[in-house]
Each structure stands twice: as structure tokens, then as C-alpha cells.
Amino acid sequence: MNGQALNDFIAAYLPTAQHMQISVENYDGQTLRLHAPLAPSINDKLTAFGGSIYVVAVMACWGMVYMRCVDYGLDPDIVVAEAAIEYLKPVTGDIVASSLPADEKNWEHFFQRFEERGKAKIDLQSEIIVNGEVAVRFKGLYAIVGVK
């Protein structure tokens, strides 16, 4: 398993992510870690812009759904149905967001629902760690609404 499918998707379809230079740092089937250099997202305080942080945090979970679907054999059409973010500390360097592992039963239920209904939802979370502390917490509800 690797994140090349997501890197390819970003290169083909997501100009904002391309501009931010978002790339897969690690994918192991349980978590996905994305990396974006600070330079394209720096603000006047010399920290990462909140909107850029949001994009990387959202993408860590969106990308996790995408990669799990690819692993399952699907070319998914995914949307973010709900999202919430907490900015706890400034991000003073590159933006590195990691999806948190979801219970495997949740993934089984997600794919079972998709098989039954052609659509499904799953709750996922991601974090951005700075100097060993959580700087950002993100929660989102992701829906697969079909396949391409």
C-alpha cells in the first residue's frame, strides 16, 4: 500500500492542493499523513494560514476515504457532508495532518452500506501536531455518493 493513487488524483483534479504542494507522506491502510510545505500557505504572522490548515486537515480524512475505496476496488465520488475544526496552537512550520484510525468495524459498515445503497457515510478525524502537541483537531463526516 502506498499513497500514489491519491498523489495522482491531486495532480489530476485538485489545483488548490497542487498549489499548496500537498503530498502523501505515509499511508498504511489505517492512517494517512499528508504534508504541505509552509511557504505557499504562510501568513503575515509567519505561521500557516488557517484556511490552508483546514484544507490539509480536511484532505487527510478525505484522502483516507479515497485510499480505502481504492483499496476496496472503487473509484469513488466523495463529498464532505459535515466538518468542524479546532485551532489550538499556531502551526509554525510545514503543515502535516494525520487521519486518526477509525475502528475497522466502521469501515466494514461503510462498505456494506455502499454495497446495499450505492452510498454511505463515515465519521473521521485528523490532527496536526506541532512540537509534540496537538495544534489542530478536525472532525468530518464523509460520504461516498457513487463511483465514477
N, C-alpha and C. Protein backbone atom coordinates (compact mmCIF):
# COMPACT_ATOMS: atom_id res chain seq x y z
N MET A 1 0.83 -1.19 0.00
CA MET A 1 0.00 0.00 0.00
C MET A 1 0.88 1.25 0.00
N ASN A 2 0.50 2.18 -0.83
CA ASN A 2 1.13 3.49 -0.78
C ASN A 2 0.12 4.53 -1.22
N GLY A 3 0.47 5.75 -1.13
CA GLY A 3 -0.46 6.82 -1.43
C GLY A 3 -0.38 7.36 -2.84
N GLN A 4 0.23 6.63 -3.75
CA GLN A 4 0.41 7.16 -5.09
C GLN A 4 -0.92 7.46 -5.78
N ALA A 5 -1.95 6.65 -5.54
CA ALA A 5 -3.25 6.91 -6.16
C ALA A 5 -3.79 8.28 -5.75
N LEU A 6 -3.59 8.65 -4.49
CA LEU A 6 -4.04 9.96 -4.03
C LEU A 6 -3.17 11.08 -4.61
N ASN A 7 -1.87 10.88 -4.65
CA ASN A 7 -0.99 11.88 -5.29
C ASN A 7 -1.41 12.10 -6.74
N ASP A 8 -1.73 11.01 -7.44
CA ASP A 8 -2.17 11.11 -8.84
C ASP A 8 -3.49 11.87 -8.95
N PHE A 9 -4.43 11.60 -8.02
CA PHE A 9 -5.72 12.29 -8.03
C PHE A 9 -5.52 13.79 -7.80
N ILE A 10 -4.69 14.13 -6.84
CA ILE A 10 -4.39 15.55 -6.57
C ILE A 10 -3.83 16.21 -7.83
N ALA A 11 -2.88 15.55 -8.47
CA ALA A 11 -2.24 16.12 -9.66
C ALA A 11 -3.24 16.31 -10.80
N ALA A 12 -4.23 15.43 -10.89
CA ALA A 12 -5.19 15.50 -12.00
C ALA A 12 -6.36 16.44 -11.75
N TYR A 13 -6.80 16.56 -10.47
CA TYR A 13 -8.09 17.20 -10.23
C TYR A 13 -8.14 18.31 -9.19
N LEU A 14 -7.11 18.52 -8.41
CA LEU A 14 -7.22 19.46 -7.28
C LEU A 14 -6.18 20.58 -7.36
N PRO A 15 -6.46 21.64 -8.13
CA PRO A 15 -5.47 22.72 -8.28
C PRO A 15 -5.11 23.42 -6.97
N THR A 16 -6.05 23.54 -6.04
CA THR A 16 -5.72 24.17 -4.75
C THR A 16 -4.68 23.33 -4.01
N ALA A 17 -4.90 22.03 -3.96
CA ALA A 17 -3.95 21.12 -3.31
C ALA A 17 -2.61 21.13 -4.04
N GLN A 18 -2.65 21.24 -5.36
CA GLN A 18 -1.40 21.33 -6.13
C GLN A 18 -0.64 22.59 -5.75
N HIS A 19 -1.35 23.72 -5.69
CA HIS A 19 -0.70 24.98 -5.35
C HIS A 19 -0.07 24.91 -3.95
N MET A 20 -0.77 24.24 -3.03
CA MET A 20 -0.26 24.11 -1.67
C MET A 20 0.82 23.03 -1.56
N GLN A 21 1.04 22.30 -2.65
CA GLN A 21 2.05 21.23 -2.71
C GLN A 21 1.76 20.11 -1.72
N ILE A 22 0.47 19.80 -1.55
CA ILE A 22 0.06 18.70 -0.66
C ILE A 22 0.49 17.39 -1.28
N SER A 23 1.11 16.54 -0.46
CA SER A 23 1.51 15.21 -0.93
C SER A 23 1.35 14.20 0.19
N VAL A 24 1.25 12.96 -0.21
CA VAL A 24 1.14 11.87 0.75
C VAL A 24 2.51 11.61 1.35
N GLU A 25 2.59 11.66 2.66
CA GLU A 25 3.82 11.33 3.36
C GLU A 25 3.82 9.86 3.77
N ASN A 26 2.63 9.36 4.17
CA ASN A 26 2.52 7.95 4.56
C ASN A 26 1.07 7.51 4.50
N TYR A 27 0.87 6.28 4.03
CA TYR A 27 -0.45 5.64 4.07
C TYR A 27 -0.21 4.17 4.38
N ASP A 28 -0.91 3.67 5.42
CA ASP A 28 -0.71 2.27 5.81
C ASP A 28 -2.01 1.49 5.90
N GLY A 29 -3.10 2.06 5.37
CA GLY A 29 -4.39 1.39 5.44
C GLY A 29 -5.20 1.76 6.67
N GLN A 30 -4.53 2.25 7.70
CA GLN A 30 -5.21 2.68 8.94
C GLN A 30 -5.18 4.19 9.11
N THR A 31 -4.10 4.80 8.67
CA THR A 31 -3.94 6.24 8.76
C THR A 31 -3.33 6.78 7.47
N LEU A 32 -3.54 8.05 7.26
CA LEU A 32 -2.97 8.76 6.13
C LEU A 32 -2.34 10.03 6.67
N ARG A 33 -1.11 10.29 6.30
CA ARG A 33 -0.43 11.52 6.71
C ARG A 33 -0.10 12.32 5.45
N LEU A 34 -0.58 13.56 5.44
CA LEU A 34 -0.32 14.47 4.33
C LEU A 34 0.64 15.57 4.77
N HIS A 35 1.41 16.05 3.82
CA HIS A 35 2.41 17.09 4.08
C HIS A 35 2.20 18.23 3.09
N ALA A 36 2.25 19.45 3.62
CA ALA A 36 2.24 20.65 2.78
C ALA A 36 3.28 21.61 3.33
N PRO A 37 4.21 22.06 2.49
CA PRO A 37 5.22 23.00 2.99
C PRO A 37 4.58 24.32 3.43
N LEU A 38 5.19 24.98 4.36
CA LEU A 38 4.67 26.22 4.90
C LEU A 38 4.65 27.34 3.86
N ALA A 39 5.65 27.43 3.03
CA ALA A 39 5.83 28.60 2.15
C ALA A 39 4.58 29.00 1.35
N PRO A 40 3.88 28.09 0.67
CA PRO A 40 2.70 28.54 -0.10
C PRO A 40 1.52 28.96 0.79
N SER A 41 1.59 28.68 2.08
CA SER A 41 0.47 28.93 2.99
C SER A 41 0.81 29.88 4.13
N ILE A 42 1.95 30.55 4.05
CA ILE A 42 2.39 31.40 5.16
C ILE A 42 1.53 32.67 5.24
N ASN A 43 1.30 33.12 6.46
CA ASN A 43 0.52 34.35 6.64
C ASN A 43 1.42 35.48 7.17
N ASP A 44 0.79 36.59 7.53
CA ASP A 44 1.55 37.75 7.99
C ASP A 44 2.19 37.55 9.36
N LYS A 45 1.81 36.50 10.07
CA LYS A 45 2.39 36.17 11.38
C LYS A 45 3.51 35.14 11.26
N LEU A 46 3.82 34.77 10.02
CA LEU A 46 4.84 33.77 9.68
C LEU A 46 4.45 32.38 10.19
N THR A 47 3.15 32.14 10.26
CA THR A 47 2.61 30.82 10.59
C THR A 47 1.70 30.39 9.44
N ALA A 48 1.20 29.18 9.51
CA ALA A 48 0.32 28.68 8.46
C ALA A 48 -1.05 29.37 8.53
N PHE A 49 -1.55 29.77 7.38
CA PHE A 49 -2.86 30.38 7.24
C PHE A 49 -3.94 29.38 7.64
N GLY A 50 -4.91 29.83 8.42
CA GLY A 50 -5.97 28.95 8.92
C GLY A 50 -6.72 28.22 7.82
N GLY A 51 -6.97 28.88 6.70
CA GLY A 51 -7.66 28.22 5.59
C GLY A 51 -6.85 27.09 5.00
N SER A 52 -5.54 27.27 4.93
CA SER A 52 -4.66 26.22 4.42
C SER A 52 -4.61 25.04 5.38
N ILE A 53 -4.56 25.35 6.68
CA ILE A 53 -4.58 24.29 7.69
C ILE A 53 -5.85 23.46 7.52
N TYR A 54 -6.98 24.16 7.34
CA TYR A 54 -8.27 23.49 7.16
C TYR A 54 -8.23 22.56 5.95
N VAL A 55 -7.70 23.05 4.84
CA VAL A 55 -7.63 22.23 3.62
C VAL A 55 -6.84 20.95 3.87
N VAL A 56 -5.70 21.03 4.51
CA VAL A 56 -4.87 19.84 4.73
C VAL A 56 -5.56 18.89 5.72
N ALA A 57 -6.18 19.44 6.76
CA ALA A 57 -6.90 18.60 7.73
C ALA A 57 -8.08 17.88 7.07
N VAL A 58 -8.85 18.60 6.25
CA VAL A 58 -9.97 18.00 5.51
C VAL A 58 -9.46 16.92 4.57
N MET A 59 -8.38 17.23 3.86
CA MET A 59 -7.83 16.30 2.87
C MET A 59 -7.26 15.04 3.51
N ALA A 60 -6.76 15.13 4.74
CA ALA A 60 -6.23 13.93 5.40
C ALA A 60 -7.34 12.89 5.58
N CYS A 61 -8.53 13.35 5.92
CA CYS A 61 -9.67 12.43 6.07
C CYS A 61 -10.28 12.07 4.71
N TRP A 62 -10.46 13.07 3.85
CA TRP A 62 -10.99 12.80 2.51
C TRP A 62 -10.09 11.79 1.80
N GLY A 63 -8.78 12.01 1.91
CA GLY A 63 -7.82 11.10 1.28
C GLY A 63 -7.87 9.71 1.87
N MET A 64 -8.15 9.63 3.16
CA MET A 64 -8.28 8.31 3.79
C MET A 64 -9.46 7.56 3.20
N VAL A 65 -10.59 8.24 3.03
CA VAL A 65 -11.75 7.60 2.39
C VAL A 65 -11.39 7.19 0.96
N TYR A 66 -10.74 8.10 0.24
CA TYR A 66 -10.35 7.80 -1.14
C TYR A 66 -9.45 6.56 -1.21
N MET A 67 -8.42 6.53 -0.37
CA MET A 67 -7.49 5.40 -0.42
C MET A 67 -8.16 4.09 0.00
N ARG A 68 -8.99 4.13 1.03
CA ARG A 68 -9.70 2.90 1.43
C ARG A 68 -10.62 2.41 0.31
N CYS A 69 -11.27 3.35 -0.39
CA CYS A 69 -12.12 2.96 -1.52
C CYS A 69 -11.29 2.36 -2.65
N VAL A 70 -10.15 2.98 -2.95
CA VAL A 70 -9.26 2.43 -3.99
C VAL A 70 -8.81 1.03 -3.59
N ASP A 71 -8.43 0.86 -2.33
CA ASP A 71 -8.03 -0.47 -1.85
C ASP A 71 -9.18 -1.47 -1.99
N TYR A 72 -10.41 -1.00 -1.85
CA TYR A 72 -11.60 -1.84 -1.94
C TYR A 72 -11.97 -2.13 -3.40
N GLY A 73 -11.37 -1.38 -4.33
CA GLY A 73 -11.63 -1.59 -5.75
C GLY A 73 -12.61 -0.59 -6.35
N LEU A 74 -12.82 0.54 -5.68
CA LEU A 74 -13.75 1.55 -6.16
C LEU A 74 -13.03 2.80 -6.61
N ASP A 75 -13.60 3.49 -7.60
CA ASP A 75 -13.18 4.83 -7.98
C ASP A 75 -14.28 5.75 -7.46
N PRO A 76 -14.15 6.24 -6.22
CA PRO A 76 -15.28 6.84 -5.51
C PRO A 76 -15.54 8.30 -5.86
N ASP A 77 -16.79 8.69 -5.68
CA ASP A 77 -17.20 10.09 -5.71
C ASP A 77 -17.50 10.46 -4.26
N ILE A 78 -16.63 11.25 -3.64
CA ILE A 78 -16.67 11.53 -2.20
C ILE A 78 -17.00 13.00 -1.97
N VAL A 79 -17.83 13.25 -0.97
CA VAL A 79 -18.11 14.63 -0.56
C VAL A 79 -17.94 14.73 0.96
N VAL A 80 -17.68 15.95 1.42
CA VAL A 80 -17.65 16.23 2.85
C VAL A 80 -19.06 16.69 3.22
N ALA A 81 -19.72 15.95 4.11
CA ALA A 81 -21.10 16.27 4.49
C ALA A 81 -21.15 17.24 5.68
N GLU A 82 -20.22 17.10 6.62
CA GLU A 82 -20.13 17.98 7.80
C GLU A 82 -18.67 18.09 8.19
N ALA A 83 -18.32 19.22 8.79
CA ALA A 83 -16.93 19.41 9.22
C ALA A 83 -16.84 20.40 10.37
N ALA A 84 -15.89 20.14 11.26
CA ALA A 84 -15.62 21.05 12.38
C ALA A 84 -14.13 21.01 12.68
N ILE A 85 -13.58 22.17 13.01
CA ILE A 85 -12.14 22.24 13.28
C ILE A 85 -11.91 23.07 14.53
N GLU A 86 -10.88 22.68 15.28
CA GLU A 86 -10.43 23.43 16.45
C GLU A 86 -8.97 23.83 16.21
N TYR A 87 -8.70 25.12 16.25
CA TYR A 87 -7.34 25.64 16.14
C TYR A 87 -6.84 25.89 17.57
N LEU A 88 -5.94 25.05 18.04
CA LEU A 88 -5.50 25.11 19.43
C LEU A 88 -4.17 25.85 19.60
N LYS A 89 -3.30 25.74 18.61
CA LYS A 89 -1.98 26.38 18.65
C LYS A 89 -1.59 26.77 17.23
N PRO A 90 -0.75 27.76 17.07
CA PRO A 90 -0.30 28.12 15.72
C PRO A 90 0.54 27.00 15.10
N VAL A 91 0.42 26.86 13.80
CA VAL A 91 1.25 25.91 13.06
C VAL A 91 2.42 26.73 12.50
N THR A 92 3.59 26.49 13.07
CA THR A 92 4.75 27.34 12.80
C THR A 92 5.70 26.79 11.74
N GLY A 93 5.38 25.63 11.22
CA GLY A 93 6.22 25.01 10.18
C GLY A 93 5.33 24.37 9.13
N ASP A 94 5.88 23.41 8.44
CA ASP A 94 5.10 22.71 7.44
C ASP A 94 3.83 22.14 8.06
N ILE A 95 2.79 22.05 7.25
CA ILE A 95 1.51 21.53 7.71
C ILE A 95 1.51 20.02 7.48
N VAL A 96 1.45 19.26 8.55
CA VAL A 96 1.42 17.80 8.46
C VAL A 96 0.18 17.32 9.21
N ALA A 97 -0.78 16.81 8.46
CA ALA A 97 -2.04 16.35 9.05
C ALA A 97 -2.13 14.84 8.92
N SER A 98 -2.54 14.20 10.00
CA SER A 98 -2.70 12.74 10.02
C SER A 98 -4.13 12.39 10.36
N SER A 99 -4.71 11.51 9.55
CA SER A 99 -6.03 10.98 9.91
C SER A 99 -5.84 10.04 11.09
N LEU A 100 -6.82 10.02 11.97
CA LEU A 100 -6.77 9.11 13.11
C LEU A 100 -7.43 7.80 12.70
N PRO A 101 -6.95 6.67 13.20
CA PRO A 101 -7.53 5.38 12.81
C PRO A 101 -9.00 5.28 13.21
N ALA A 102 -9.81 4.82 12.29
CA ALA A 102 -11.21 4.51 12.58
C ALA A 102 -11.31 3.02 12.87
N ASP A 103 -12.24 2.65 13.70
CA ASP A 103 -12.48 1.24 14.00
C ASP A 103 -12.77 0.50 12.70
N GLU A 104 -12.15 -0.65 12.53
CA GLU A 104 -12.33 -1.42 11.30
C GLU A 104 -13.80 -1.79 11.08
N LYS A 105 -14.56 -1.95 12.15
CA LYS A 105 -16.00 -2.23 12.02
C LYS A 105 -16.72 -1.08 11.34
N ASN A 106 -16.26 0.15 11.59
CA ASN A 106 -16.87 1.31 10.92
C ASN A 106 -16.62 1.26 9.42
N TRP A 107 -15.42 0.84 9.03
CA TRP A 107 -15.13 0.70 7.60
C TRP A 107 -15.96 -0.42 6.99
N GLU A 108 -16.09 -1.54 7.69
CA GLU A 108 -16.91 -2.65 7.19
C GLU A 108 -18.35 -2.19 6.98
N HIS A 109 -18.89 -1.46 7.96
CA HIS A 109 -20.24 -0.95 7.86
C HIS A 109 -20.36 0.03 6.68
N PHE A 110 -19.37 0.89 6.52
CA PHE A 110 -19.34 1.86 5.42
C PHE A 110 -19.45 1.15 4.07
N PHE A 111 -18.62 0.14 3.86
CA PHE A 111 -18.64 -0.56 2.57
C PHE A 111 -19.89 -1.42 2.41
N GLN A 112 -20.39 -1.97 3.50
CA GLN A 112 -21.63 -2.74 3.43
C GLN A 112 -22.79 -1.83 3.01
N ARG A 113 -22.87 -0.65 3.63
CA ARG A 113 -23.91 0.32 3.26
C ARG A 113 -23.78 0.72 1.80
N PHE A 114 -22.54 0.93 1.35
CA PHE A 114 -22.35 1.30 -0.05
C PHE A 114 -22.84 0.18 -0.97
N GLU A 115 -22.52 -1.06 -0.64
CA GLU A 115 -22.96 -2.19 -1.46
C GLU A 115 -24.48 -2.27 -1.50
N GLU A 116 -25.14 -1.98 -0.38
CA GLU A 116 -26.60 -2.08 -0.29
C GLU A 116 -27.31 -0.90 -0.95
N ARG A 117 -26.76 0.32 -0.79
CA ARG A 117 -27.48 1.53 -1.19
C ARG A 117 -26.82 2.37 -2.27
N GLY A 118 -25.56 2.07 -2.56
CA GLY A 118 -24.85 2.88 -3.54
C GLY A 118 -24.32 4.17 -2.96
N LYS A 119 -24.44 4.34 -1.65
CA LYS A 119 -23.88 5.49 -0.94
C LYS A 119 -23.69 5.11 0.52
N ALA A 120 -22.80 5.83 1.20
CA ALA A 120 -22.51 5.54 2.61
C ALA A 120 -21.79 6.73 3.22
N LYS A 121 -21.80 6.78 4.57
CA LYS A 121 -21.13 7.85 5.30
C LYS A 121 -20.24 7.26 6.38
N ILE A 122 -19.17 8.01 6.71
CA ILE A 122 -18.29 7.62 7.79
C ILE A 122 -17.73 8.87 8.46
N ASP A 123 -17.65 8.83 9.80
CA ASP A 123 -17.03 9.91 10.58
C ASP A 123 -15.54 9.65 10.69
N LEU A 124 -14.74 10.67 10.42
CA LEU A 124 -13.29 10.56 10.54
C LEU A 124 -12.73 11.80 11.24
N GLN A 125 -11.53 11.65 11.77
CA GLN A 125 -10.85 12.75 12.45
C GLN A 125 -9.40 12.84 11.97
N SER A 126 -8.86 14.04 12.05
CA SER A 126 -7.44 14.22 11.79
C SER A 126 -6.88 15.20 12.81
N GLU A 127 -5.56 15.19 12.91
CA GLU A 127 -4.85 16.10 13.81
C GLU A 127 -3.60 16.63 13.12
N ILE A 128 -3.21 17.80 13.58
CA ILE A 128 -1.92 18.38 13.20
C ILE A 128 -1.15 18.57 14.51
N ILE A 129 0.01 17.96 14.57
CA ILE A 129 0.86 18.00 15.75
C ILE A 129 2.00 19.00 15.51
N VAL A 130 2.25 19.86 16.49
CA VAL A 130 3.36 20.81 16.43
C VAL A 130 4.14 20.67 17.73
N ASN A 131 5.43 20.39 17.61
CA ASN A 131 6.30 20.22 18.78
C ASN A 131 5.72 19.23 19.79
N GLY A 132 5.19 18.13 19.29
CA GLY A 132 4.68 17.07 20.14
C GLY A 132 3.31 17.32 20.75
N GLU A 133 2.68 18.44 20.42
CA GLU A 133 1.37 18.77 20.97
C GLU A 133 0.35 18.94 19.84
N VAL A 134 -0.91 18.60 20.14
CA VAL A 134 -1.96 18.77 19.15
C VAL A 134 -2.20 20.27 18.94
N ALA A 135 -2.02 20.73 17.71
CA ALA A 135 -2.25 22.13 17.36
C ALA A 135 -3.62 22.31 16.72
N VAL A 136 -4.09 21.27 16.04
CA VAL A 136 -5.36 21.34 15.33
C VAL A 136 -6.06 20.00 15.43
N ARG A 137 -7.37 20.05 15.71
CA ARG A 137 -8.22 18.85 15.69
C ARG A 137 -9.32 19.08 14.66
N PHE A 138 -9.55 18.09 13.84
CA PHE A 138 -10.59 18.17 12.81
C PHE A 138 -11.49 16.95 12.89
N LYS A 139 -12.78 17.16 12.70
CA LYS A 139 -13.75 16.07 12.62
C LYS A 139 -14.60 16.29 11.39
N GLY A 140 -14.84 15.23 10.63
CA GLY A 140 -15.67 15.37 9.45
C GLY A 140 -16.51 14.14 9.19
N LEU A 141 -17.64 14.37 8.53
CA LEU A 141 -18.49 13.28 8.08
C LEU A 141 -18.34 13.24 6.56
N TYR A 142 -17.89 12.10 6.06
CA TYR A 142 -17.61 11.94 4.65
C TYR A 142 -18.60 10.97 4.03
N ALA A 143 -19.04 11.29 2.83
CA ALA A 143 -20.00 10.44 2.14
C ALA A 143 -19.46 10.03 0.78
N ILE A 144 -19.62 8.75 0.48
CA ILE A 144 -19.38 8.29 -0.87
C ILE A 144 -20.76 8.25 -1.51
N VAL A 145 -20.92 9.02 -2.58
CA VAL A 145 -22.23 9.18 -3.20
C VAL A 145 -22.35 8.43 -4.52
N GLY A 146 -21.33 7.68 -4.84
CA GLY A 146 -21.33 6.88 -6.06
C GLY A 146 -19.92 6.58 -6.49
N VAL A 147 -19.81 6.06 -7.68
CA VAL A 147 -18.50 5.77 -8.26
C VAL A 147 -18.44 6.40 -9.64
N LYS A 148 -17.24 6.59 -10.10
CA LYS A 148 -17.05 7.22 -11.42
C LYS A 148 -16.95 6.17 -12.49
